[in-house]
Amino acid sequence: MALAKQILQSLARHFTDEGPHGKDPGKGSRHWLCNYCETRFVDTKSVLKKHFMTKCSIELVTRALTGEERVMRIEGIRLGKHQASQLAGAIGGSGGPSTGPSSSSFVPPSSSTQRPTDGETPSLAGSKTCFPPALGSGGRSVRQTLLEEADSVVTRNEHKSRKMDRWLICTNQPFSMVNNFSFLDFIDAVKNCHPSWRACKRDEMRTKRLDGQYKLVGEDTWSLEIGAGSIVGVVMDNARVCAKAGKIVEAKYPGIYIVGCTAHALDLALEDMYKCMDWLKEVVDKGNQVGKFFTNIDKVRAMYNRIASAQLKRPAVTRFTTNFEMLQSLKAGRNPLELCVCNAAWVEKLVRGEQVVAFNVVTHIIMDTNGFWKVVDKAIEVMEPVVKLLRLVDGPGATMSKVYFGMDTVVVRMRTLDCLSETEKADVENILIDRWAVMTSELHCAAAFLDPEYRTHTVRDTEIREGFNIWLYSWAPPELLQGEISRQLDM
């Protein structure tokens, strides 16, 4: 038992004790972290050997390791497995000399070992002292063998990663594919498949195997359980292929309406404003120039962060709603920006030579040489109603009933803006009406008609009543129209 206790103490050195699991620090399970595979678990000290004998592997490490660190961890795992087997033998009562590697053969060089000076290449003498040559290795050290094995594993993994990179790029796959559950499940299946497995041919895939997958999906009978009568509408992307697919669904199921994404349509409306209105494009581009300058240059960013309590926001490339957030952050940070420009340290030497032109341009923008801040306020007033409606429809809950009158409110708000001329008001209204004509449907009218909040408005709005009637007669069966629904409409 003394030998088993000694081996257990040595085995515990391979783990980091992160504290007790229960209330009593001296009893019960503890939190352990393996120093090699970085696996966390809760258990007692007496079963640490089980981790090495059943689970511990260098492949469980999820972060990148250097070649040296990888080799040291592999050596530690070998020592831990050997000590675990020794502990199992000691507890079971088996005796006799051990044929496994000794603990001393895995001990790394001590700090007192002579180290090479700068510019020198470390020799293998120290390695041979700590790692004696294994039998049958032709004089090569265990350390050298493990280094070669680790390099071989890294090379093979990198080769497979490059193959996947090429497949993603050549087949025009989205980069999010690497996180797709079905794709990762397929990769795991390929790892464990028989060497004789080969991918099926194109004709087989598009005929027999496609039909097989269709049957598997239909076996759960989810579509039969729900039924087409329980589906009112389907929200789809605004892409052309989705619109064509929606028309096919509507032709097969007349009671189902295909509705485009309202949030995407509103974002496209902001994009149309950016492209068609020169003054808005100019102020957004200048704002982006200021934001990039203050976030990309280290010294400028450090100066701004010392003065301001918040960071400037930068817009996303394909999300024009973020231009509004960028302009808002510029407006909120106007005073810190002006303090930076008026600071004695704000000189051209603050940036590199190729950045001097941008430095002077940004300085003139912030100092309001051409009325930049007045146009920022104007752009925010124009974009804010659209962004508010976008946030409403993009939030949680059922919001379709709010879209119709929400869009009316946005148009009315644009007509009352004093900062816009009559021509600019007409341009903004035309952009909004064009996008509204594309994304609206009879389902929007029906939802608005049934919303109690707008009951007084819907009674007088002929367009909403007509849209509601079209949807009602296409969705409700005749027996309901002649009975319960007719009585409710008469009320």
Protein backbone atom coordinates (compact mmCIF):
# COMPACT_ATOMS: atom_id res chain seq x y z
CA MET A 1 0.00 0.00 0.00
CA ALA A 2 2.93 2.31 0.63
CA LEU A 3 4.09 1.76 -2.97
CA ALA A 4 0.59 2.48 -4.30
CA LYS A 5 0.39 5.67 -2.24
CA GLN A 6 3.78 6.81 -3.56
CA ILE A 7 2.76 6.14 -7.17
CA LEU A 8 -0.55 7.96 -6.63
CA GLN A 9 1.33 11.02 -5.34
CA SER A 10 3.51 10.95 -8.47
CA LEU A 11 0.45 10.53 -10.68
CA ALA A 12 -1.25 13.58 -9.15
CA ARG A 13 1.64 15.78 -10.35
CA HIS A 14 0.33 15.39 -13.91
CA PHE A 15 -2.83 17.31 -12.96
CA THR A 16 -3.67 20.79 -11.70
CA ASP A 17 -5.82 20.75 -8.57
CA GLU A 18 -8.43 23.50 -9.07
CA GLY A 19 -10.10 23.13 -5.70
CA PRO A 20 -12.68 21.01 -3.91
CA HIS A 21 -16.01 20.09 -5.44
CA GLY A 22 -17.96 19.98 -2.18
CA LYS A 23 -18.21 22.20 0.88
CA ASP A 24 -15.54 20.33 2.88
CA PRO A 25 -12.07 21.06 1.38
CA GLY A 26 -10.58 17.93 2.91
CA LYS A 27 -13.16 15.43 1.71
CA GLY A 28 -14.98 14.40 -1.43
CA SER A 29 -14.22 15.00 -5.10
CA ARG A 30 -12.03 17.76 -6.49
CA HIS A 31 -11.77 19.69 -9.74
CA TRP A 32 -8.86 18.39 -11.83
CA LEU A 33 -7.22 19.72 -15.01
CA CYS A 34 -4.97 17.42 -17.04
CA ASN A 35 -1.71 19.20 -17.86
CA TYR A 36 -1.41 17.39 -21.20
CA CYS A 37 -4.84 17.01 -22.87
CA GLU A 38 -6.37 19.98 -20.93
CA THR A 39 -9.45 17.95 -19.98
CA ARG A 40 -11.37 19.09 -16.89
CA PHE A 41 -13.28 16.63 -14.72
CA VAL A 42 -14.51 16.13 -11.16
CA ASP A 43 -13.47 13.01 -9.26
CA THR A 44 -11.47 11.71 -6.33
CA LYS A 45 -7.71 11.40 -6.33
CA SER A 46 -7.83 7.62 -6.25
CA VAL A 47 -9.23 7.34 -9.79
CA LEU A 48 -6.78 9.62 -11.62
CA LYS A 49 -5.25 6.55 -13.21
CA LYS A 50 -8.52 5.96 -15.07
CA HIS A 51 -8.04 9.19 -17.02
CA PHE A 52 -4.66 8.06 -18.37
CA MET A 53 -5.74 4.49 -19.09
CA THR A 54 -8.99 5.34 -20.93
CA LYS A 55 -9.07 8.92 -22.20
CA CYS A 56 -5.88 11.02 -22.13
CA SER A 57 -4.62 11.81 -25.64
CA ILE A 58 -2.77 14.67 -27.31
CA GLU A 59 -5.56 14.79 -29.92
CA LEU A 60 -7.96 16.21 -27.30
CA VAL A 61 -6.06 19.52 -27.24
CA THR A 62 -8.06 22.08 -29.21
CA ARG A 63 -5.51 24.90 -29.43
CA ALA A 64 -2.34 25.06 -31.49
CA LEU A 65 0.86 23.72 -29.90
CA THR A 66 4.48 24.27 -30.81
CA GLY A 67 6.52 21.24 -31.83
CA GLU A 68 8.52 21.33 -28.60
CA GLU A 69 5.42 21.66 -26.42
CA ARG A 70 3.69 18.85 -28.28
CA VAL A 71 6.64 16.51 -27.76
CA MET A 72 6.83 17.27 -24.03
CA ARG A 73 3.12 16.56 -23.65
CA ILE A 74 3.37 13.27 -25.51
CA GLU A 75 6.23 12.25 -23.22
CA GLY A 76 4.18 13.26 -20.17
CA ILE A 77 1.23 11.18 -21.38
CA ARG A 78 3.52 8.16 -21.82
CA LEU A 79 4.85 8.56 -18.31
CA GLY A 80 1.34 9.02 -16.90
CA LYS A 81 0.08 5.88 -18.64
CA HIS A 82 3.06 3.93 -17.32
CA GLN A 83 2.49 5.15 -13.76
CA ALA A 84 -1.23 4.38 -14.06
CA SER A 85 -0.45 0.80 -15.11
CA GLN A 86 2.05 0.52 -12.22
CA LEU A 87 -0.62 1.77 -9.81
CA ALA A 88 -3.14 -0.75 -11.13
CA GLY A 89 -0.60 -3.54 -10.64
CA ALA A 90 0.30 -2.38 -7.13
CA ILE A 91 -3.35 -2.24 -6.08
CA GLY A 92 -4.02 -5.63 -7.63
CA GLY A 93 -1.08 -7.17 -5.77
CA SER A 94 1.06 -7.98 -8.80
CA GLY A 95 4.74 -7.73 -8.21
CA GLY A 96 7.93 -8.11 -10.14
CA PRO A 97 10.12 -5.73 -12.04
CA SER A 98 8.57 -3.32 -14.47
CA THR A 99 9.51 -3.43 -18.11
CA GLY A 100 8.15 0.06 -18.88
CA PRO A 101 10.22 3.21 -19.10
CA SER A 102 11.48 4.62 -15.84
CA SER A 103 10.40 7.97 -14.49
CA SER A 104 13.90 9.36 -14.87
CA SER A 105 13.83 8.78 -18.61
CA PHE A 106 11.04 11.35 -18.95
CA VAL A 107 12.53 14.05 -16.73
CA PRO A 108 13.34 17.17 -18.77
CA PRO A 109 16.80 18.79 -18.44
CA SER A 110 17.26 20.72 -15.20
CA SER A 111 17.80 24.44 -15.10
CA SER A 112 21.45 23.86 -14.10
CA THR A 113 22.21 22.22 -17.44
CA GLN A 114 24.49 24.32 -19.61
CA ARG A 115 22.44 26.22 -22.20
CA PRO A 116 23.72 27.44 -25.55
CA THR A 117 24.50 31.11 -25.92
CA ASP A 118 22.85 33.35 -28.50
CA GLY A 119 23.63 32.26 -32.03
CA GLU A 120 24.57 28.69 -31.08
CA THR A 121 22.59 25.58 -32.01
CA PRO A 122 21.71 23.33 -29.07
CA SER A 123 23.34 19.93 -29.27
CA LEU A 124 21.66 16.59 -28.70
CA ALA A 125 23.99 15.72 -25.86
CA GLY A 126 21.62 16.98 -23.20
CA SER A 127 18.75 15.20 -24.88
CA LYS A 128 20.62 11.91 -24.93
CA THR A 129 21.43 12.30 -21.26
CA CYS A 130 17.78 12.71 -20.30
CA PHE A 131 16.35 10.41 -22.95
CA PRO A 132 18.50 7.30 -23.41
CA PRO A 133 18.25 5.50 -26.75
CA ALA A 134 15.49 2.91 -26.92
CA LEU A 135 16.26 -0.69 -27.80
CA GLY A 136 16.33 -1.33 -31.53
CA SER A 137 16.39 2.36 -32.43
CA GLY A 138 19.89 2.31 -33.86
CA GLY A 139 21.23 4.80 -31.32
CA ARG A 140 18.48 7.36 -31.92
CA SER A 141 17.04 8.94 -28.78
CA VAL A 142 13.43 8.67 -27.68
CA ARG A 143 13.19 12.46 -27.90
CA GLN A 144 14.34 12.48 -31.53
CA THR A 145 11.85 9.74 -32.40
CA LEU A 146 8.98 11.62 -30.78
CA LEU A 147 9.95 14.81 -32.58
CA GLU A 148 9.80 13.03 -35.91
CA GLU A 149 6.45 11.44 -35.03
CA ALA A 150 4.98 14.80 -34.00
CA ASP A 151 6.24 16.47 -37.18
CA SER A 152 4.69 13.67 -39.23
CA VAL A 153 1.31 14.14 -37.53
CA VAL A 154 1.41 17.92 -38.00
CA THR A 155 2.34 17.51 -41.68
CA ARG A 156 -0.50 15.07 -42.35
CA ASN A 157 -3.04 17.31 -40.57
CA GLU A 158 -1.87 20.37 -42.50
CA HIS A 159 -2.15 18.42 -45.75
CA LYS A 160 -5.77 17.51 -44.98
CA SER A 161 -6.56 21.11 -43.99
CA ARG A 162 -5.22 22.38 -47.31
CA LYS A 163 -7.39 19.87 -49.15
CA MET A 164 -10.45 21.22 -47.31
CA ASP A 165 -9.37 24.83 -48.05
CA ARG A 166 -9.20 24.02 -51.75
CA TRP A 167 -12.60 22.30 -51.68
CA LEU A 168 -14.24 25.29 -49.97
CA ILE A 169 -12.79 27.80 -52.44
CA CYS A 170 -13.16 25.81 -55.68
CA THR A 171 -16.79 24.86 -54.97
CA ASN A 172 -17.71 28.36 -53.76
CA GLN A 173 -18.82 27.13 -50.34
CA PRO A 174 -19.49 29.61 -47.50
CA PHE A 175 -16.79 29.65 -44.83
CA SER A 176 -19.47 28.97 -42.22
CA MET A 177 -19.61 25.45 -43.66
CA VAL A 178 -16.75 24.43 -41.35
CA ASN A 179 -19.12 24.93 -38.39
CA ASN A 180 -22.10 23.18 -39.98
CA PHE A 181 -23.34 20.26 -37.87
CA SER A 182 -24.07 17.99 -40.86
CA PHE A 183 -20.67 18.70 -42.41
CA LEU A 184 -18.82 17.94 -39.15
CA ASP A 185 -20.88 14.76 -38.76
CA PHE A 186 -19.84 13.75 -42.28
CA ILE A 187 -16.15 14.40 -41.48
CA ASP A 188 -16.38 12.18 -38.39
CA ALA A 189 -18.02 9.44 -40.45
CA VAL A 190 -15.25 9.60 -43.06
CA LYS A 191 -12.61 9.24 -40.34
CA ASN A 192 -14.17 5.97 -39.15
CA CYS A 193 -15.22 4.51 -42.51
CA HIS A 194 -13.72 1.37 -44.08
CA PRO A 195 -10.80 1.93 -46.50
CA SER A 196 -12.93 0.50 -49.32
CA TRP A 197 -15.45 3.38 -49.11
CA ARG A 198 -15.76 5.61 -52.17
CA ALA A 199 -18.04 8.55 -52.87
CA CYS A 200 -21.00 7.72 -55.12
CA LYS A 201 -21.31 8.91 -58.70
CA ARG A 202 -23.23 12.02 -59.76
CA ASP A 203 -26.13 10.20 -61.41
CA GLU A 204 -26.59 7.95 -58.40
CA MET A 205 -26.52 10.95 -56.06
CA ARG A 206 -29.14 12.97 -57.94
CA THR A 207 -31.53 10.05 -58.45
CA LYS A 208 -31.52 7.04 -56.17
CA ARG A 209 -29.82 8.57 -53.15
CA LEU A 210 -31.83 11.79 -53.39
CA ASP A 211 -35.05 9.78 -53.42
CA GLY A 212 -33.80 7.83 -50.42
CA GLN A 213 -33.16 11.00 -48.44
CA TYR A 214 -36.60 12.31 -49.39
CA LYS A 215 -38.17 9.16 -47.96
CA LEU A 216 -36.11 9.43 -44.77
CA VAL A 217 -37.21 13.02 -44.24
CA GLY A 218 -40.83 12.08 -44.85
CA GLU A 219 -40.76 9.16 -42.45
CA ASP A 220 -41.18 11.43 -39.45
CA THR A 221 -44.53 12.58 -40.96
CA TRP A 222 -43.95 16.11 -39.67
CA SER A 223 -45.59 17.65 -42.72
CA LEU A 224 -48.64 15.40 -42.35
CA GLU A 225 -48.98 16.18 -38.65
CA ILE A 226 -48.87 19.95 -39.14
CA GLY A 227 -50.87 20.15 -42.34
CA ALA A 228 -50.97 22.91 -44.93
CA GLY A 229 -54.08 24.38 -43.32
CA SER A 230 -52.12 25.26 -40.18
CA ILE A 231 -49.55 27.34 -42.09
CA VAL A 232 -50.46 30.93 -42.91
CA GLY A 233 -47.22 32.23 -44.38
CA VAL A 234 -43.54 31.50 -44.87
CA VAL A 235 -40.88 34.18 -44.42
CA MET A 236 -38.13 33.75 -47.01
CA ASP A 237 -35.03 35.53 -48.21
CA ASN A 238 -35.41 38.27 -50.81
CA ALA A 239 -33.10 36.57 -53.32
CA ARG A 240 -34.54 35.83 -56.77
CA VAL A 241 -34.24 32.07 -56.39
CA CYS A 242 -36.23 32.25 -53.13
CA ALA A 243 -38.91 34.33 -54.83
CA LYS A 244 -39.27 31.70 -57.56
CA ALA A 245 -39.44 28.93 -54.96
CA GLY A 246 -42.11 30.93 -53.13
CA LYS A 247 -44.26 31.13 -56.27
CA ILE A 248 -44.05 27.35 -56.63
CA VAL A 249 -45.23 26.91 -53.03
CA GLU A 250 -48.08 29.40 -53.50
CA ALA A 251 -49.20 27.63 -56.68
CA LYS A 252 -49.34 24.27 -54.88
CA TYR A 253 -50.84 25.63 -51.64
CA PRO A 254 -53.06 28.67 -52.37
CA GLY A 255 -53.64 29.29 -48.66
CA ILE A 256 -49.93 29.85 -47.93
CA TYR A 257 -48.39 33.26 -48.63
CA ILE A 258 -44.69 33.81 -49.16
CA VAL A 259 -43.44 36.90 -47.32
CA GLY A 260 -40.07 38.51 -47.92
CA CYS A 261 -37.79 39.46 -45.05
CA THR A 262 -38.89 42.94 -43.92
CA ALA A 263 -35.62 43.66 -42.08
CA HIS A 264 -33.63 42.89 -45.23
CA ALA A 265 -35.94 45.08 -47.33
CA LEU A 266 -35.48 48.02 -44.96
CA ASP A 267 -31.72 47.54 -45.03
CA LEU A 268 -31.90 47.60 -48.84
CA ALA A 269 -33.89 50.84 -48.60
CA LEU A 270 -31.02 52.39 -46.63
CA GLU A 271 -28.63 51.09 -49.28
CA ASP A 272 -30.73 52.75 -52.01
CA MET A 273 -30.61 56.03 -50.09
CA TYR A 274 -26.82 55.73 -49.88
CA LYS A 275 -26.48 55.09 -53.61
CA CYS A 276 -29.05 57.58 -54.90
CA MET A 277 -28.54 60.55 -52.56
CA ASP A 278 -25.12 62.15 -53.07
CA TRP A 279 -25.11 64.16 -49.84
CA LEU A 280 -25.82 61.03 -47.76
CA LYS A 281 -23.11 59.05 -49.54
CA GLU A 282 -20.61 61.86 -48.95
CA VAL A 283 -21.25 62.15 -45.21
CA VAL A 284 -21.20 58.36 -44.71
CA ASP A 285 -17.90 58.05 -46.59
CA LYS A 286 -16.36 60.87 -44.56
CA GLY A 287 -17.59 59.28 -41.34
CA ASN A 288 -16.05 55.96 -42.35
CA GLN A 289 -12.79 57.74 -43.11
CA VAL A 290 -12.71 59.31 -39.64
CA GLY A 291 -13.65 56.05 -37.93
CA LYS A 292 -11.01 54.00 -39.76
CA PHE A 293 -8.32 56.60 -39.07
CA PHE A 294 -9.01 56.64 -35.33
CA THR A 295 -9.24 52.85 -35.02
CA ASN A 296 -6.49 51.63 -37.37
CA ILE A 297 -3.58 53.86 -36.27
CA ASP A 298 -2.23 52.88 -32.87
CA LYS A 299 -1.02 56.28 -31.65
CA VAL A 300 -4.19 58.05 -32.75
CA ARG A 301 -6.37 55.38 -31.16
CA ALA A 302 -4.41 55.60 -27.91
CA MET A 303 -4.83 59.38 -27.80
CA TYR A 304 -8.59 59.10 -28.38
CA ASN A 305 -9.01 56.36 -25.76
CA ARG A 306 -7.28 58.53 -23.15
CA ILE A 307 -9.78 61.34 -23.75
CA ALA A 308 -13.02 59.52 -24.58
CA SER A 309 -14.94 56.99 -22.50
CA ALA A 310 -16.29 55.04 -25.50
CA GLN A 311 -14.87 53.70 -28.75
CA LEU A 312 -15.91 54.70 -32.25
CA LYS A 313 -18.02 52.18 -34.16
CA ARG A 314 -17.20 51.02 -37.66
CA PRO A 315 -19.89 49.84 -40.10
CA ALA A 316 -20.11 46.39 -41.65
CA VAL A 317 -19.52 46.19 -45.39
CA THR A 318 -22.90 44.69 -46.37
CA ARG A 319 -25.04 46.04 -43.51
CA PHE A 320 -26.04 49.62 -44.30
CA THR A 321 -27.94 49.90 -41.02
CA THR A 322 -24.57 50.00 -39.28
CA ASN A 323 -23.82 53.30 -41.05
CA PHE A 324 -26.44 54.85 -38.77
CA GLU A 325 -24.70 53.46 -35.68
CA MET A 326 -21.37 54.74 -36.96
CA LEU A 327 -22.74 58.28 -37.44
CA GLN A 328 -24.33 58.18 -33.99
CA SER A 329 -21.00 57.20 -32.41
CA LEU A 330 -19.30 60.08 -34.25
CA LYS A 331 -21.91 62.52 -32.99
CA ALA A 332 -21.53 61.26 -29.42
CA GLY A 333 -17.74 61.47 -29.69
CA ARG A 334 -17.56 64.90 -31.31
CA ASN A 335 -16.06 66.62 -28.26
CA PRO A 336 -13.31 64.00 -27.74
CA LEU A 337 -12.49 64.14 -31.46
CA GLU A 338 -12.16 67.93 -31.37
CA LEU A 339 -10.02 67.71 -28.21
CA CYS A 340 -7.70 65.29 -30.01
CA VAL A 341 -7.33 67.57 -33.02
CA CYS A 342 -6.70 70.62 -30.79
CA ASN A 343 -4.16 68.74 -28.66
CA ALA A 344 -0.55 69.93 -28.85
CA ALA A 345 0.52 66.36 -29.69
CA TRP A 346 -1.68 66.31 -32.80
CA VAL A 347 1.07 66.86 -35.38
CA GLU A 348 1.95 65.15 -38.64
CA LYS A 349 4.80 63.29 -36.94
CA LEU A 350 2.15 61.31 -35.09
CA VAL A 351 1.62 59.17 -38.21
CA ARG A 352 3.81 57.62 -40.89
CA GLY A 353 4.69 59.47 -44.07
CA GLU A 354 2.11 57.71 -46.25
CA GLN A 355 -0.61 58.59 -43.70
CA VAL A 356 -0.01 62.35 -43.67
CA VAL A 357 -2.59 63.01 -46.41
CA ALA A 358 -5.29 61.11 -44.51
CA PHE A 359 -4.20 62.92 -41.32
CA ASN A 360 -4.85 66.33 -42.88
CA VAL A 361 -8.16 65.24 -44.45
CA VAL A 362 -9.48 63.89 -41.14
CA THR A 363 -8.36 67.05 -39.36
CA HIS A 364 -10.36 69.25 -41.75
CA ILE A 365 -13.42 66.98 -41.41
CA ILE A 366 -13.42 67.11 -37.61
CA MET A 367 -12.82 70.88 -37.53
CA ASP A 368 -16.06 71.23 -39.56
CA THR A 369 -14.43 73.04 -42.45
CA ASN A 370 -17.28 72.14 -44.85
CA GLY A 371 -20.17 71.77 -42.39
CA PHE A 372 -19.65 68.06 -41.74
CA TRP A 373 -21.41 67.89 -38.37
CA LYS A 374 -24.55 69.61 -39.66
CA VAL A 375 -24.88 66.99 -42.41
CA VAL A 376 -24.31 64.23 -39.83
CA ASP A 377 -27.35 65.48 -37.89
CA LYS A 378 -29.34 65.56 -41.13
CA ALA A 379 -28.37 61.99 -42.05
CA ILE A 380 -29.29 60.71 -38.58
CA GLU A 381 -32.73 62.35 -38.78
CA VAL A 382 -33.40 60.70 -42.15
CA MET A 383 -32.14 57.23 -41.23
CA GLU A 384 -33.49 57.01 -37.67
CA PRO A 385 -37.18 56.24 -38.49
CA VAL A 386 -36.16 53.44 -40.85
CA VAL A 387 -33.72 51.98 -38.34
CA LYS A 388 -36.33 52.04 -35.55
CA LEU A 389 -38.78 50.07 -37.71
CA LEU A 390 -36.02 47.66 -38.70
CA ARG A 391 -35.14 46.99 -35.06
CA LEU A 392 -38.83 46.40 -34.31
CA VAL A 393 -39.33 43.77 -37.02
CA ASP A 394 -35.94 42.19 -36.33
CA GLY A 395 -36.69 41.75 -32.63
CA PRO A 396 -38.44 38.93 -30.80
CA GLY A 397 -42.14 38.25 -31.00
CA ALA A 398 -44.76 38.56 -33.74
CA THR A 399 -44.31 41.93 -35.46
CA MET A 400 -45.93 41.45 -38.88
CA SER A 401 -49.05 43.31 -37.78
CA LYS A 402 -46.90 46.38 -36.99
CA VAL A 403 -45.21 46.60 -40.39
CA TYR A 404 -48.02 48.19 -42.42
CA PHE A 405 -48.70 51.15 -40.15
CA GLY A 406 -45.05 51.31 -39.14
CA MET A 407 -44.14 51.98 -42.77
CA ASP A 408 -46.89 54.60 -43.02
CA THR A 409 -45.43 56.32 -39.95
CA VAL A 410 -41.96 56.36 -41.53
CA VAL A 411 -43.25 57.96 -44.74
CA VAL A 412 -45.23 60.59 -42.81
CA ARG A 413 -42.16 61.36 -40.71
CA MET A 414 -40.06 61.94 -43.84
CA ARG A 415 -42.61 64.43 -45.16
CA THR A 416 -42.31 66.56 -42.01
CA LEU A 417 -38.50 66.77 -41.81
CA ASP A 418 -37.40 70.41 -42.03
CA CYS A 419 -33.82 69.46 -42.89
CA LEU A 420 -34.88 68.03 -46.28
CA SER A 421 -35.86 70.01 -49.34
CA GLU A 422 -38.98 69.09 -51.29
CA THR A 423 -36.89 67.28 -53.90
CA GLU A 424 -35.05 65.29 -51.24
CA LYS A 425 -38.32 64.39 -49.52
CA ALA A 426 -39.68 63.07 -52.81
CA ASP A 427 -36.52 61.02 -53.40
CA VAL A 428 -36.67 59.41 -49.95
CA GLU A 429 -40.39 58.70 -50.26
CA ASN A 430 -39.97 57.07 -53.69
CA ILE A 431 -37.23 54.79 -52.34
CA LEU A 432 -39.38 53.70 -49.40
CA ILE A 433 -42.51 53.17 -51.52
CA ASP A 434 -40.59 51.08 -54.07
CA ARG A 435 -39.23 48.78 -51.36
CA TRP A 436 -42.62 48.64 -49.63
CA ALA A 437 -44.32 47.59 -52.89
CA VAL A 438 -41.90 44.67 -53.20
CA MET A 439 -42.12 43.37 -49.63
CA THR A 440 -45.84 43.92 -48.85
CA SER A 441 -48.48 41.21 -49.26
CA GLU A 442 -52.09 40.44 -48.41
CA LEU A 443 -50.80 38.77 -45.26
CA HIS A 444 -49.50 42.14 -43.98
CA CYS A 445 -52.97 43.63 -44.54
CA ALA A 446 -54.66 40.75 -42.74
CA ALA A 447 -52.29 40.99 -39.77
CA ALA A 448 -52.81 44.75 -39.50
CA PHE A 449 -56.60 44.32 -39.77
CA LEU A 450 -56.64 41.81 -36.90
CA ASP A 451 -54.37 43.89 -34.63
CA PRO A 452 -56.51 45.59 -31.92
CA GLU A 453 -54.03 48.47 -31.69
CA TYR A 454 -54.96 49.69 -35.17
CA ARG A 455 -58.66 48.80 -35.11
CA THR A 456 -59.87 52.36 -35.66
CA HIS A 457 -57.49 52.85 -38.61
CA THR A 458 -58.23 49.59 -40.42
CA VAL A 459 -61.98 50.24 -40.61
CA ARG A 460 -61.38 53.29 -42.83
CA ASP A 461 -58.42 51.92 -44.84
CA THR A 462 -59.77 50.35 -48.04
CA GLU A 463 -56.41 48.85 -49.02
CA ILE A 464 -56.18 46.90 -45.76
CA ARG A 465 -59.76 45.65 -46.04
CA GLU A 466 -59.23 44.52 -49.63
CA GLY A 467 -56.01 42.70 -48.70
CA PHE A 468 -57.70 41.09 -45.71
CA ASN A 469 -60.62 39.85 -47.85
CA ILE A 470 -58.26 38.39 -50.47
CA TRP A 471 -56.34 36.49 -47.81
CA LEU A 472 -59.49 35.39 -45.99
CA TYR A 473 -61.20 33.87 -49.04
CA SER A 474 -58.01 32.08 -50.09
CA TRP A 475 -57.31 30.64 -46.64
CA ALA A 476 -60.64 29.85 -44.97
CA PRO A 477 -62.74 26.86 -46.13
CA PRO A 478 -66.23 27.66 -47.50
CA GLU A 479 -68.09 26.15 -44.54
CA LEU A 480 -66.33 28.52 -42.13
CA LEU A 481 -66.90 31.53 -44.38
CA GLN A 482 -70.63 30.93 -44.41
CA GLY A 483 -70.86 30.35 -40.67
CA GLU A 484 -68.59 31.47 -37.84
CA ILE A 485 -66.35 33.85 -39.82
CA SER A 486 -69.29 35.68 -41.41
CA ARG A 487 -70.86 36.31 -38.00
CA GLN A 488 -67.58 37.67 -36.61
CA LEU A 489 -67.10 40.00 -39.60
CA ASP A 490 -70.63 41.33 -39.26
CA MET A 491 -69.93 42.23 -35.64
